Structure formats: C-alpha cells, structure tokens
Amino acid sequence: MSEEIEISQAAGDAHAASALALSSASRAKADAYLDEQTILARLQAKELSHELSLRHWSLWVRHASGC
C-alpha cells in the first residue's frame, strides 16, 4: 500500500511541475512540452507491456520446468 501512496505522490509532484512549467511558457513551448510528454508516456507504456510479456513468459517457463 505504501508503494501506491509513493506512486500517487510522485504523480502529483509531476502534475504540479507540469502545471508550473506550462503556466509560464508560450503556447508553442507548451505544445512542444506536451508532445514530448506524450512520446515519453507511449514509450513507457510500451516498455511496461514488454516487461509484462517477459514476466508471463518467465512464469510459464518456471511452471513448465516444475512439472
């Protein structure tokens, strides 16, 4: 449960930093920043998906080896 709280706090900190950065930036800079964040989020989602696939494969191999 503490891990969830830490993640939530980190997300809140990131949101606050984003809001502060966007409030003082020009529209073009804000759009560029949001584009970069979108790319980063997609890359992170892809990496997490890959890690999940590897984890499932690892569990399957461990199960198959135990038989």
Protein backbone atom coordinates (compact mmCIF):
# COMPACT_ATOMS: atom_id res chain seq x y z
CA MET A 1 0.00 0.00 0.00
CA SER A 2 2.88 2.41 0.71
CA GLU A 3 4.14 1.85 -2.84
CA GLU A 4 0.77 3.04 -4.17
CA ILE A 5 0.99 6.15 -1.98
CA GLU A 6 4.53 6.86 -3.22
CA ILE A 7 3.41 6.47 -6.84
CA SER A 8 0.44 8.74 -6.21
CA GLN A 9 2.66 11.36 -4.58
CA ALA A 10 5.15 11.16 -7.46
CA ALA A 11 2.33 11.59 -9.96
CA GLY A 12 1.07 14.59 -8.01
CA ASP A 13 4.55 16.12 -7.96
CA ALA A 14 4.91 15.56 -11.71
CA HIS A 15 1.49 17.13 -12.31
CA ALA A 16 2.42 20.17 -10.22
CA ALA A 17 5.72 20.56 -12.08
CA SER A 18 3.93 20.27 -15.43
CA ALA A 19 1.36 22.88 -14.42
CA LEU A 20 4.07 25.28 -13.28
CA ALA A 21 6.08 24.78 -16.47
CA LEU A 22 3.04 25.26 -18.68
CA SER A 23 1.77 28.34 -16.85
CA SER A 24 4.87 30.36 -17.66
CA ALA A 25 5.51 29.01 -21.18
CA SER A 26 4.37 30.27 -24.52
CA ARG A 27 1.72 28.27 -26.36
CA ALA A 28 4.32 26.81 -28.76
CA LYS A 29 6.59 25.76 -25.91
CA ALA A 30 3.66 24.27 -24.02
CA ASP A 31 2.59 22.28 -27.09
CA ALA A 32 6.17 21.04 -27.61
CA TYR A 33 6.41 20.03 -23.97
CA LEU A 34 3.12 18.14 -24.12
CA ASP A 35 4.21 16.40 -27.33
CA GLU A 36 7.41 15.25 -25.61
CA GLN A 37 5.44 14.03 -22.60
CA THR A 38 3.07 12.11 -24.88
CA ILE A 39 6.00 10.42 -26.60
CA LEU A 40 7.54 9.58 -23.22
CA ALA A 41 4.27 8.14 -21.90
CA ARG A 42 3.89 5.96 -25.01
CA LEU A 43 7.46 4.68 -24.67
CA GLN A 44 6.90 3.90 -21.00
CA ALA A 45 3.66 2.06 -21.79
CA LYS A 46 5.43 0.04 -24.48
CA GLU A 47 8.26 -0.84 -22.09
CA LEU A 48 5.82 -1.89 -19.36
CA SER A 49 3.94 -4.05 -21.85
CA HIS A 50 7.20 -5.71 -22.88
CA GLU A 51 8.18 -6.29 -19.23
CA LEU A 52 4.77 -7.84 -18.57
CA SER A 53 5.19 -10.17 -21.54
CA LEU A 54 8.61 -11.23 -20.28
CA ARG A 55 7.21 -11.79 -16.79
CA HIS A 56 4.43 -14.01 -18.14
CA TRP A 57 6.92 -15.96 -20.24
CA SER A 58 9.20 -16.37 -17.23
CA LEU A 59 6.33 -17.64 -15.07
CA TRP A 60 5.27 -20.05 -17.82
CA VAL A 61 8.83 -21.42 -18.13
CA ARG A 62 9.09 -21.80 -14.36
CA HIS A 63 5.76 -23.64 -14.29
CA ALA A 64 6.68 -25.89 -17.21
CA SER A 65 10.07 -26.70 -15.67
CA GLY A 66 8.44 -27.68 -12.39
CA CYS A 67 6.38 -30.46 -13.99
